[in-house]
């Protein structure tokens, strides 16, 4: 049961991490918040830090759930699946990614 929870957390961290890394790019930020939205350096670095931290936590959860040889395989597959899911969300339902951004005025 704990292994399943660790793998679910790893999948969520992978999805959130890829989402934050995508939103740290100007084009995706504007896609979400409009053409006049400004992505400041502080927001960009915060999104990138959050993204890389989430991907690292995803790897840690995978290593908690499985032995190292299987954990690496599962983590790489989670990264591929999360990247694909974020790309599809950006193409069809970009507004769903707003849940990843804590902004007061948006």
PDB file of N, CA and C in Angstrom:
ATOM      1  N   UNK A   1       0.815  -1.197   0.000  1.00  0.00           N
ATOM      2  CA  UNK A   1       0.000   0.000   0.000  1.00  0.00           C
ATOM      3  C   UNK A   1       0.860   1.263   0.000  1.00  0.00           C
ATOM      4  N   UNK A   2       1.942   1.251   0.775  1.00  0.00           N
ATOM      5  CA  UNK A   2       2.829   2.415   0.829  1.00  0.00           C
ATOM      6  C   UNK A   2       3.532   2.612  -0.513  1.00  0.00           C
ATOM      7  N   UNK A   3       3.821   1.494  -1.209  1.00  0.00           N
ATOM      8  CA  UNK A   3       4.456   1.603  -2.519  1.00  0.00           C
ATOM      9  C   UNK A   3       3.530   2.271  -3.528  1.00  0.00           C
ATOM     10  N   UNK A   4       2.260   1.915  -3.477  1.00  0.00           N
ATOM     11  CA  UNK A   4       1.292   2.518  -4.392  1.00  0.00           C
ATOM     12  C   UNK A   4       1.145   4.016  -4.112  1.00  0.00           C
ATOM     13  N   UNK A   5       1.139   4.395  -2.850  1.00  0.00           N
ATOM     14  CA  UNK A   5       1.055   5.809  -2.489  1.00  0.00           C
ATOM     15  C   UNK A   5       2.293   6.566  -2.968  1.00  0.00           C
ATOM     16  N   UNK A   6       3.457   5.965  -2.798  1.00  0.00           N
ATOM     17  CA  UNK A   6       4.695   6.603  -3.255  1.00  0.00           C
ATOM     18  C   UNK A   6       4.687   6.784  -4.772  1.00  0.00           C
ATOM     19  N   UNK A   7       4.189   5.807  -5.492  1.00  0.00           N
ATOM     20  CA  UNK A   7       4.132   5.929  -6.952  1.00  0.00           C
ATOM     21  C   UNK A   7       3.098   6.954  -7.395  1.00  0.00           C
ATOM     22  N   UNK A   8       1.980   7.040  -6.696  1.00  0.00           N
ATOM     23  CA  UNK A   8       0.990   8.082  -7.013  1.00  0.00           C
ATOM     24  C   UNK A   8       1.552   9.472  -6.756  1.00  0.00           C
ATOM     25  N   UNK A   9       2.262   9.618  -5.652  1.00  0.00           N
ATOM     26  CA  UNK A   9       2.912  10.900  -5.371  1.00  0.00           C
ATOM     27  C   UNK A   9       3.962  11.225  -6.428  1.00  0.00           C
ATOM     28  N   UNK A  10       4.702  10.209  -6.864  1.00  0.00           N
ATOM     29  CA  UNK A  10       5.710  10.419  -7.907  1.00  0.00           C
ATOM     30  C   UNK A  10       5.055  10.902  -9.196  1.00  0.00           C
ATOM     31  N   UNK A  11       3.915  10.337  -9.545  1.00  0.00           N
ATOM     32  CA  UNK A  11       3.206  10.765 -10.757  1.00  0.00           C
ATOM     33  C   UNK A  11       2.708  12.199 -10.613  1.00  0.00           C
ATOM     34  N   UNK A  12       2.171  12.547  -9.458  1.00  0.00           N
ATOM     35  CA  UNK A  12       1.701  13.917  -9.238  1.00  0.00           C
ATOM     36  C   UNK A  12       2.838  14.917  -9.257  1.00  0.00           C
ATOM     37  N   UNK A  13       3.956  14.568  -8.630  1.00  0.00           N
ATOM     38  CA  UNK A  13       5.121  15.449  -8.648  1.00  0.00           C
ATOM     39  C   UNK A  13       5.654  15.623 -10.067  1.00  0.00           C
ATOM     40  N   UNK A  14       5.662  14.552 -10.851  1.00  0.00           N
ATOM     41  CA  UNK A  14       6.127  14.651 -12.239  1.00  0.00           C
ATOM     42  C   UNK A  14       5.232  15.572 -13.052  1.00  0.00           C
ATOM     43  N   UNK A  15       3.943  15.420 -12.904  1.00  0.00           N
ATOM     44  CA  UNK A  15       2.997  16.251 -13.647  1.00  0.00           C
ATOM     45  C   UNK A  15       3.115  17.722 -13.232  1.00  0.00           C
ATOM     46  N   UNK A  16       3.174  17.970 -11.947  1.00  0.00           N
ATOM     47  CA  UNK A  16       3.310  19.350 -11.471  1.00  0.00           C
ATOM     48  C   UNK A  16       4.647  19.943 -11.893  1.00  0.00           C
ATOM     49  N   UNK A  17       5.707  19.164 -11.790  1.00  0.00           N
ATOM     50  CA  UNK A  17       7.027  19.659 -12.169  1.00  0.00           C
ATOM     51  C   UNK A  17       7.105  20.033 -13.635  1.00  0.00           C
ATOM     52  N   UNK A  18       6.579  19.194 -14.490  1.00  0.00           N
ATOM     53  CA  UNK A  18       6.569  19.510 -15.924  1.00  0.00           C
ATOM     54  C   UNK A  18       5.688  20.719 -16.211  1.00  0.00           C
ATOM     55  N   UNK A  19       4.592  20.838 -15.497  1.00  0.00           N
ATOM     56  CA  UNK A  19       3.721  21.995 -15.665  1.00  0.00           C
ATOM     57  C   UNK A  19       4.420  23.284 -15.267  1.00  0.00           C
ATOM     58  N   UNK A  20       5.113  23.274 -14.130  1.00  0.00           N
ATOM     59  CA  UNK A  20       5.830  24.465 -13.694  1.00  0.00           C
ATOM     60  C   UNK A  20       6.967  24.817 -14.640  1.00  0.00           C
ATOM     61  N   UNK A  21       7.671  23.818 -15.136  1.00  0.00           N
ATOM     62  CA  UNK A  21       8.742  24.108 -16.096  1.00  0.00           C
ATOM     63  C   UNK A  21       8.178  24.683 -17.390  1.00  0.00           C
ATOM     64  N   UNK A  22       7.049  24.182 -17.833  1.00  0.00           N
ATOM     65  CA  UNK A  22       6.435  24.723 -19.045  1.00  0.00           C
ATOM     66  C   UNK A  22       5.967  26.157 -18.821  1.00  0.00           C
ATOM     67  N   UNK A  23       5.382  26.434 -17.660  1.00  0.00           N
ATOM     68  CA  UNK A  23       4.887  27.776 -17.385  1.00  0.00           C
ATOM     69  C   UNK A  23       6.003  28.776 -17.148  1.00  0.00           C
ATOM     70  N   UNK A  24       7.219  28.314 -16.928  1.00  0.00           N
ATOM     71  CA  UNK A  24       8.337  29.233 -16.775  1.00  0.00           C
ATOM     72  C   UNK A  24       8.793  29.800 -18.115  1.00  0.00           C
ATOM     73  N   UNK A  25       8.223  29.311 -19.209  1.00  0.00           N
ATOM     74  CA  UNK A  25       8.515  29.855 -20.537  1.00  0.00           C
ATOM     75  C   UNK A  25       7.504  30.939 -20.875  1.00  0.00           C
ATOM     76  N   UNK A  26       8.007  32.009 -21.468  1.00  0.00           N
ATOM     77  CA  UNK A  26       7.175  33.181 -21.774  1.00  0.00           C
ATOM     78  C   UNK A  26       5.948  32.833 -22.618  1.00  0.00           C
ATOM     79  N   UNK A  27       6.144  31.995 -23.634  1.00  0.00           N
ATOM     80  CA  UNK A  27       5.045  31.691 -24.556  1.00  0.00           C
ATOM     81  C   UNK A  27       3.901  30.965 -23.852  1.00  0.00           C
ATOM     82  N   UNK A  28       4.222  30.058 -22.969  1.00  0.00           N
ATOM     83  CA  UNK A  28       3.168  29.330 -22.259  1.00  0.00           C
ATOM     84  C   UNK A  28       2.535  30.194 -21.174  1.00  0.00           C
ATOM     85  N   UNK A  29       3.327  31.067 -20.559  1.00  0.00           N
ATOM     86  CA  UNK A  29       2.781  31.978 -19.564  1.00  0.00           C
ATOM     87  C   UNK A  29       1.727  32.892 -20.201  1.00  0.00           C
ATOM     88  N   UNK A  30       2.065  33.424 -21.378  1.00  0.00           N
ATOM     89  CA  UNK A  30       1.126  34.303 -22.071  1.00  0.00           C
ATOM     90  C   UNK A  30      -0.080  33.528 -22.606  1.00  0.00           C
ATOM     91  N   UNK A  31       0.134  32.291 -22.960  1.00  0.00           N
ATOM     92  CA  UNK A  31      -0.971  31.450 -23.418  1.00  0.00           C
ATOM     93  C   UNK A  31      -1.995  31.286 -22.298  1.00  0.00           C
ATOM     94  N   UNK A  32      -1.516  31.251 -21.081  1.00  0.00           N
ATOM     95  CA  UNK A  32      -2.392  31.035 -19.941  1.00  0.00           C
ATOM     96  C   UNK A  32      -3.039  32.326 -19.434  1.00  0.00           C
ATOM     97  N   UNK A  33      -2.281  33.422 -19.411  1.00  0.00           N
ATOM     98  CA  UNK A  33      -2.758  34.640 -18.774  1.00  0.00           C
ATOM     99  C   UNK A  33      -2.969  35.810 -19.734  1.00  0.00           C
ATOM    100  N   UNK A  34      -2.806  35.599 -21.025  1.00  0.00           N
ATOM    101  CA  UNK A  34      -3.065  36.656 -21.990  1.00  0.00           C
ATOM    102  C   UNK A  34      -1.795  37.316 -22.500  1.00  0.00           C
ATOM    103  N   UNK A  35      -1.955  38.069 -23.570  1.00  0.00           N
ATOM    104  CA  UNK A  35      -0.801  38.680 -24.239  1.00  0.00           C
ATOM    105  C   UNK A  35      -0.117  39.738 -23.401  1.00  0.00           C
ATOM    106  N   UNK A  36      -0.857  40.386 -22.544  1.00  0.00           N
ATOM    107  CA  UNK A  36      -0.282  41.460 -21.735  1.00  0.00           C
ATOM    108  C   UNK A  36       0.346  40.950 -20.440  1.00  0.00           C
ATOM    109  N   UNK A  37       0.213  39.692 -20.167  1.00  0.00           N
ATOM    110  CA  UNK A  37       0.773  39.139 -18.936  1.00  0.00           C
ATOM    111  C   UNK A  37       2.297  39.192 -18.983  1.00  0.00           C
ATOM    112  N   UNK A  38       2.879  39.621 -17.893  1.00  0.00           N
ATOM    113  CA  UNK A  38       4.323  39.767 -17.816  1.00  0.00           C
ATOM    114  C   UNK A  38       4.875  38.674 -16.912  1.00  0.00           C
ATOM    115  N   UNK A  39       5.850  37.964 -17.429  1.00  0.00           N
ATOM    116  CA  UNK A  39       6.537  36.939 -16.643  1.00  0.00           C
ATOM    117  C   UNK A  39       7.819  37.556 -16.118  1.00  0.00           C
ATOM    118  N   UNK A  40       7.815  37.944 -14.850  1.00  0.00           N
ATOM    119  CA  UNK A  40       8.992  38.581 -14.274  1.00  0.00           C
ATOM    120  C   UNK A  40      10.067  37.540 -13.991  1.00  0.00           C
ATOM    121  N   UNK A  41      11.264  38.016 -13.773  1.00  0.00           N
ATOM    122  CA  UNK A  41      12.390  37.120 -13.493  1.00  0.00           C
ATOM    123  C   UNK A  41      12.184  36.354 -12.197  1.00  0.00           C
ATOM    124  N   UNK A  42      11.545  36.988 -11.234  1.00  0.00           N
ATOM    125  CA  UNK A  42      11.304  36.319  -9.949  1.00  0.00           C
ATOM    126  C   UNK A  42      10.306  35.178 -10.120  1.00  0.00           C
ATOM    127  N   UNK A  43       9.237  35.430 -10.861  1.00  0.00           N
ATOM    128  CA  UNK A  43       8.245  34.378 -11.102  1.00  0.00           C
ATOM    129  C   UNK A  43       8.865  33.246 -11.914  1.00  0.00           C
ATOM    130  N   UNK A  44       9.641  33.612 -12.937  1.00  0.00           N
ATOM    131  CA  UNK A  44      10.269  32.604 -13.785  1.00  0.00           C
ATOM    132  C   UNK A  44      11.216  31.717 -12.987  1.00  0.00           C
ATOM    133  N   UNK A  45      12.055  32.325 -12.172  1.00  0.00           N
ATOM    134  CA  UNK A  45      12.993  31.513 -11.390  1.00  0.00           C
ATOM    135  C   UNK A  45      12.263  30.683 -10.336  1.00  0.00           C
ATOM    136  N   UNK A  46      11.181  31.241  -9.773  1.00  0.00           N
ATOM    137  CA  UNK A  46      10.400  30.470  -8.806  1.00  0.00           C
ATOM    138  C   UNK A  46       9.723  29.265  -9.443  1.00  0.00           C
ATOM    139  N   UNK A  47       9.182  29.454 -10.655  1.00  0.00           N
ATOM    140  CA  UNK A  47       8.558  28.332 -11.362  1.00  0.00           C
ATOM    141  C   UNK A  47       9.586  27.262 -11.717  1.00  0.00           C
ATOM    142  N   UNK A  48      10.760  27.693 -12.166  1.00  0.00           N
ATOM    143  CA  UNK A  48      11.798  26.719 -12.508  1.00  0.00           C
ATOM    144  C   UNK A  48      12.287  25.960 -11.281  1.00  0.00           C
ATOM    145  N   UNK A  49      12.468  26.677 -10.176  1.00  0.00           N
ATOM    146  CA  UNK A  49      12.885  26.019  -8.935  1.00  0.00           C
ATOM    147  C   UNK A  49      11.827  25.024  -8.476  1.00  0.00           C
ATOM    148  N   UNK A  50      10.571  25.429  -8.532  1.00  0.00           N
ATOM    149  CA  UNK A  50       9.488  24.522  -8.136  1.00  0.00           C
ATOM    150  C   UNK A  50       9.435  23.313  -9.058  1.00  0.00           C
ATOM    151  N   UNK A  51       9.631  23.534 -10.370  1.00  0.00           N
ATOM    152  CA  UNK A  51       9.592  22.427 -11.323  1.00  0.00           C
ATOM    153  C   UNK A  51      10.687  21.411 -11.086  1.00  0.00           C
ATOM    154  N   UNK A  52      11.907  21.905 -10.956  1.00  0.00           N
ATOM    155  CA  UNK A  52      13.018  20.968 -10.732  1.00  0.00           C
ATOM    156  C   UNK A  52      12.922  20.276  -9.383  1.00  0.00           C
ATOM    157  N   UNK A  53      12.434  20.980  -8.379  1.00  0.00           N
ATOM    158  CA  UNK A  53      12.244  20.358  -7.060  1.00  0.00           C
ATOM    159  C   UNK A  53      11.187  19.259  -7.125  1.00  0.00           C
ATOM    160  N   UNK A  54      10.102  19.519  -7.843  1.00  0.00           N
ATOM    161  CA  UNK A  54       9.051  18.502  -7.976  1.00  0.00           C
ATOM    162  C   UNK A  54       9.563  17.275  -8.723  1.00  0.00           C
ATOM    163  N   UNK A  55      10.378  17.483  -9.747  1.00  0.00           N
ATOM    164  CA  UNK A  55      10.934  16.333 -10.466  1.00  0.00           C
ATOM    165  C   UNK A  55      11.897  15.542  -9.581  1.00  0.00           C
ATOM    166  N   UNK A  56      12.665  16.228  -8.752  1.00  0.00           N
ATOM    167  CA  UNK A  56      13.546  15.538  -7.814  1.00  0.00           C
ATOM    168  C   UNK A  56      12.731  14.753  -6.785  1.00  0.00           C
ATOM    169  N   UNK A  57      11.653  15.356  -6.280  1.00  0.00           N
ATOM    170  CA  UNK A  57      10.791  14.638  -5.331  1.00  0.00           C
ATOM    171  C   UNK A  57      10.120  13.436  -5.989  1.00  0.00           C
ATOM    172  N   UNK A  58       9.821  13.562  -7.267  1.00  0.00           N
ATOM    173  CA  UNK A  58       9.269  12.435  -8.010  1.00  0.00           C
ATOM    174  C   UNK A  58      10.266  11.276  -8.049  1.00  0.00           C
ATOM    175  N   UNK A  59      11.514  11.601  -8.302  1.00  0.00           N
ATOM    176  CA  UNK A  59      12.548  10.560  -8.316  1.00  0.00           C
ATOM    177  C   UNK A  59      12.706   9.922  -6.938  1.00  0.00           C
ATOM    178  N   UNK A  60      12.667  10.732  -5.899  1.00  0.00           N
ATOM    179  CA  UNK A  60      12.789  10.204  -4.530  1.00  0.00           C
ATOM    180  C   UNK A  60      11.635   9.250  -4.222  1.00  0.00           C
ATOM    181  N   UNK A  61      10.433   9.633  -4.610  1.00  0.00           N
ATOM    182  CA  UNK A  61       9.276   8.759  -4.383  1.00  0.00           C
ATOM    183  C   UNK A  61       9.415   7.440  -5.144  1.00  0.00           C
ATOM    184  N   UNK A  62       9.955   7.498  -6.350  1.00  0.00           N
ATOM    185  CA  UNK A  62      10.166   6.268  -7.115  1.00  0.00           C
ATOM    186  C   UNK A  62      11.180   5.363  -6.431  1.00  0.00           C
ATOM    187  N   UNK A  63      12.244   5.956  -5.882  1.00  0.00           N
ATOM    188  CA  UNK A  63      13.255   5.158  -5.194  1.00  0.00           C
ATOM    189  C   UNK A  63      12.734   4.602  -3.875  1.00  0.00           C
ATOM    190  N   UNK A  64      11.775   5.266  -3.272  1.00  0.00           N
ATOM    191  CA  UNK A  64      11.151   4.731  -2.055  1.00  0.00           C
ATOM    192  C   UNK A  64      10.287   3.522  -2.396  1.00  0.00           C
ATOM    193  N   UNK A  65       9.620   3.568  -3.537  1.00  0.00           N
ATOM    194  CA  UNK A  65       8.663   2.525  -3.901  1.00  0.00           C
ATOM    195  C   UNK A  65       9.322   1.259  -4.441  1.00  0.00           C
ATOM    196  N   UNK A  66      10.447   1.388  -5.142  1.00  0.00           N
ATOM    197  CA  UNK A  66      11.045   0.235  -5.822  1.00  0.00           C
ATOM    198  C   UNK A  66      12.545   0.177  -5.617  1.00  0.00           C
ATOM    199  N   UNK A  67      13.119  -0.935  -6.062  1.00  0.00           N
ATOM    200  CA  UNK A  67      14.577  -1.053  -6.060  1.00  0.00           C
ATOM    201  C   UNK A  67      15.138  -0.124  -7.138  1.00  0.00           C
ATOM    202  N   UNK A  68      16.404   0.256  -7.039  1.00  0.00           N
ATOM    203  CA  UNK A  68      16.951   1.299  -7.921  1.00  0.00           C
ATOM    204  C   UNK A  68      16.818   1.026  -9.418  1.00  0.00           C
ATOM    205  N   UNK A  69      17.026  -0.194  -9.857  1.00  0.00           N
ATOM    206  CA  UNK A  69      16.956  -0.455 -11.294  1.00  0.00           C
ATOM    207  C   UNK A  69      15.544  -0.247 -11.839  1.00  0.00           C
ATOM    208  N   UNK A  70      14.546  -0.609 -11.079  1.00  0.00           N
ATOM    209  CA  UNK A  70      13.162  -0.409 -11.501  1.00  0.00           C
ATOM    210  C   UNK A  70      12.726   1.042 -11.278  1.00  0.00           C
ATOM    211  N   UNK A  71      13.222   1.675 -10.227  1.00  0.00           N
ATOM    212  CA  UNK A  71      12.842   3.047  -9.913  1.00  0.00           C
ATOM    213  C   UNK A  71      13.265   4.008 -11.018  1.00  0.00           C
ATOM    214  N   UNK A  72      14.451   3.801 -11.562  1.00  0.00           N
ATOM    215  CA  UNK A  72      14.912   4.674 -12.648  1.00  0.00           C
ATOM    216  C   UNK A  72      14.020   4.515 -13.870  1.00  0.00           C
ATOM    217  N   UNK A  73      13.670   3.292 -14.197  1.00  0.00           N
ATOM    218  CA  UNK A  73      12.799   3.035 -15.340  1.00  0.00           C
ATOM    219  C   UNK A  73      11.425   3.679 -15.133  1.00  0.00           C
ATOM    220  N   UNK A  74      10.849   3.511 -13.973  1.00  0.00           N
ATOM    221  CA  UNK A  74       9.532   4.081 -13.679  1.00  0.00           C
ATOM    222  C   UNK A  74       9.598   5.603 -13.721  1.00  0.00           C
ATOM    223  N   UNK A  75      10.666   6.182 -13.175  1.00  0.00           N
ATOM    224  CA  UNK A  75      10.792   7.631 -13.152  1.00  0.00           C
ATOM    225  C   UNK A  75      10.897   8.209 -14.567  1.00  0.00           C
ATOM    226  N   UNK A  76      11.707   7.581 -15.405  1.00  0.00           N
ATOM    227  CA  UNK A  76      11.843   8.060 -16.781  1.00  0.00           C
ATOM    228  C   UNK A  76      10.512   7.944 -17.525  1.00  0.00           C
ATOM    229  N   UNK A  77       9.780   6.876 -17.308  1.00  0.00           N
ATOM    230  CA  UNK A  77       8.482   6.729 -17.965  1.00  0.00           C
ATOM    231  C   UNK A  77       7.476   7.754 -17.424  1.00  0.00           C
ATOM    232  N   UNK A  78       7.543   8.055 -16.134  1.00  0.00           N
ATOM    233  CA  UNK A  78       6.675   9.095 -15.576  1.00  0.00           C
ATOM    234  C   UNK A  78       7.003  10.460 -16.173  1.00  0.00           C
ATOM    235  N   UNK A  79       8.284  10.730 -16.381  1.00  0.00           N
ATOM    236  CA  UNK A  79       8.678  11.997 -16.997  1.00  0.00           C
ATOM    237  C   UNK A  79       8.123  12.106 -18.414  1.00  0.00           C
ATOM    238  N   UNK A  80       8.232  11.021 -19.161  1.00  0.00           N
ATOM    239  CA  UNK A  80       7.715  11.032 -20.543  1.00  0.00           C
ATOM    240  C   UNK A  80       6.199  11.211 -20.557  1.00  0.00           C
ATOM    241  N   UNK A  81       5.512  10.507 -19.684  1.00  0.00           N
ATOM    242  CA  UNK A  81       4.058  10.630 -19.621  1.00  0.00           C
ATOM    243  C   UNK A  81       3.620  12.010 -19.164  1.00  0.00           C
ATOM    244  N   UNK A  82       4.317  12.580 -18.182  1.00  0.00           N
ATOM    245  CA  UNK A  82       3.960  13.910 -17.691  1.00  0.00           C
ATOM    246  C   UNK A  82       4.225  14.971 -18.752  1.00  0.00           C
ATOM    247  N   UNK A  83       5.328  14.848 -19.466  1.00  0.00           N
ATOM    248  CA  UNK A  83       5.628  15.819 -20.531  1.00  0.00           C
ATOM    249  C   UNK A  83       4.564  15.759 -21.627  1.00  0.00           C
ATOM    250  N   UNK A  84       4.147  14.567 -21.978  1.00  0.00           N
ATOM    251  CA  UNK A  84       3.104  14.415 -22.986  1.00  0.00           C
ATOM    252  C   UNK A  84       1.781  14.995 -22.489  1.00  0.00           C
ATOM    253  N   UNK A  85       1.442  14.718 -21.255  1.00  0.00           N
ATOM    254  CA  UNK A  85       0.182  15.229 -20.696  1.00  0.00           C
ATOM    255  C   UNK A  85       0.177  16.754 -20.644  1.00  0.00           C
ATOM    256  N   UNK A  86       1.283  17.362 -20.256  1.00  0.00           N
ATOM    257  CA  UNK A  86       1.361  18.820 -20.191  1.00  0.00           C
ATOM    258  C   UNK A  86       1.292  19.414 -21.597  1.00  0.00           C
ATOM    259  N   UNK A  87       1.952  18.782 -22.556  1.00  0.00           N
ATOM    260  CA  UNK A  87       1.884  19.268 -23.939  1.00  0.00           C
ATOM    261  C   UNK A  87       0.448  19.223 -24.465  1.00  0.00           C
ATOM    262  N   UNK A  88      -0.264  18.151 -24.170  1.00  0.00           N
ATOM    263  CA  UNK A  88      -1.652  18.050 -24.607  1.00  0.00           C
ATOM    264  C   UNK A  88      -2.546  19.052 -23.879  1.00  0.00           C
ATOM    265  N   UNK A  89      -2.297  19.272 -22.600  1.00  0.00           N
ATOM    266  CA  UNK A  89      -3.064  20.273 -21.867  1.00  0.00           C
ATOM    267  C   UNK A  89      -2.813  21.668 -22.425  1.00  0.00           C
ATOM    268  N   UNK A  90      -1.579  21.972 -22.767  1.00  0.00           N
ATOM    269  CA  UNK A  90      -1.277  23.286 -23.335  1.00  0.00           C
ATOM    270  C   UNK A  90      -1.927  23.465 -24.697  1.00  0.00           C
ATOM    271  N   UNK A  91      -2.104  22.380 -25.418  1.00  0.00           N
ATOM    272  CA  UNK A  91      -2.703  22.468 -26.748  1.00  0.00           C
ATOM    273  C   UNK A  91      -4.224  22.616 -26.677  1.00  0.00           C
ATOM    274  N   UNK A  92      -4.876  21.935 -25.733  1.00  0.00           N
ATOM    275  CA  UNK A  92      -6.335  21.897 -25.732  1.00  0.00           C
ATOM    276  C   UNK A  92      -7.004  22.544 -24.529  1.00  0.00           C
ATOM    277  N   UNK A  93      -6.439  22.439 -23.377  1.00  0.00           N
ATOM    278  CA  UNK A  93      -7.064  22.961 -22.160  1.00  0.00           C
ATOM    279  C   UNK A  93      -6.032  23.684 -21.301  1.00  0.00           C
ATOM    280  N   UNK A  94      -5.417  24.697 -21.866  1.00  0.00           N
ATOM    281  CA  UNK A  94      -4.338  25.404 -21.163  1.00  0.00           C
ATOM    282  C   UNK A  94      -4.821  26.009 -19.844  1.00  0.00           C
ATOM    283  N   UNK A  95      -6.055  26.451 -19.794  1.00  0.00           N
ATOM    284  CA  UNK A  95      -6.561  27.090 -18.574  1.00  0.00           C
ATOM    285  C   UNK A  95      -6.574  26.153 -17.374  1.00  0.00           C
ATOM    286  N   UNK A  96      -6.525  24.867 -17.595  1.00  0.00           N
ATOM    287  CA  UNK A  96      -6.483  23.924 -16.479  1.00  0.00           C
ATOM    288  C   UNK A  96      -5.172  24.031 -15.700  1.00  0.00           C
ATOM    289  N   UNK A  97      -4.129  24.548 -16.341  1.00  0.00           N
ATOM    290  CA  UNK A  97      -2.839  24.663 -15.663  1.00  0.00           C
ATOM    291  C   UNK A  97      -2.783  25.844 -14.694  1.00  0.00           C
ATOM    292  N   UNK A  98      -3.820  26.668 -14.668  1.00  0.00           N
ATOM    293  CA  UNK A  98      -3.837  27.792 -13.726  1.00  0.00           C
ATOM    294  C   UNK A  98      -3.801  27.331 -12.279  1.00  0.00           C
ATOM    295  N   UNK A  99      -4.212  26.122 -12.047  1.00  0.00           N
ATOM    296  CA  UNK A  99      -4.210  25.592 -10.687  1.00  0.00           C
ATOM    297  C   UNK A  99      -2.780  25.489 -10.146  1.00  0.00           C
ATOM    298  N   UNK A 100      -1.775  25.438 -11.025  1.00  0.00           N
ATOM    299  CA  UNK A 100      -0.385  25.327 -10.603  1.00  0.00           C
ATOM    300  C   UNK A 100       0.224  26.662 -10.198  1.00  0.00           C
ATOM    301  N   UNK A 101      -0.454  27.767 -10.521  1.00  0.00           N
ATOM    302  CA  UNK A 101       0.111  29.092 -10.288  1.00  0.00           C
ATOM    303  C   UNK A 101      -0.689  29.807  -9.211  1.00  0.00           C
ATOM    304  N   UNK A 102      -0.016  30.257  -8.199  1.00  0.00           N
ATOM    305  CA  UNK A 102      -0.653  31.029  -7.138  1.00  0.00           C
ATOM    306  C   UNK A 102      -0.419  32.501  -7.426  1.00  0.00           C
ATOM    307  N   UNK A 103      -1.405  33.128  -8.041  1.00  0.00           N
ATOM    308  CA  UNK A 103      -1.304  34.557  -8.352  1.00  0.00           C
ATOM    309  C   UNK A 103      -2.483  35.269  -7.728  1.00  0.00           C
ATOM    310  N   UNK A 104      -2.205  36.395  -7.113  1.00  0.00           N
ATOM    311  CA  UNK A 104      -3.266  37.143  -6.455  1.00  0.00           C
ATOM    312  C   UNK A 104      -4.238  37.808  -7.415  1.00  0.00           C
ATOM    313  N   UNK A 105      -3.743  38.358  -8.517  1.00  0.00           N
ATOM    314  CA  UNK A 105      -4.604  39.143  -9.369  1.00  0.00           C
ATOM    315  C   UNK A 105      -5.144  38.427 -10.592  1.00  0.00           C
ATOM    316  N   UNK A 106      -4.757  37.207 -10.840  1.00  0.00           N
ATOM    317  CA  UNK A 106      -5.154  36.538 -12.090  1.00  0.00           C
ATOM    318  C   UNK A 106      -6.344  35.661 -11.893  1.00  0.00           C
TER     319      UNK A 106
END
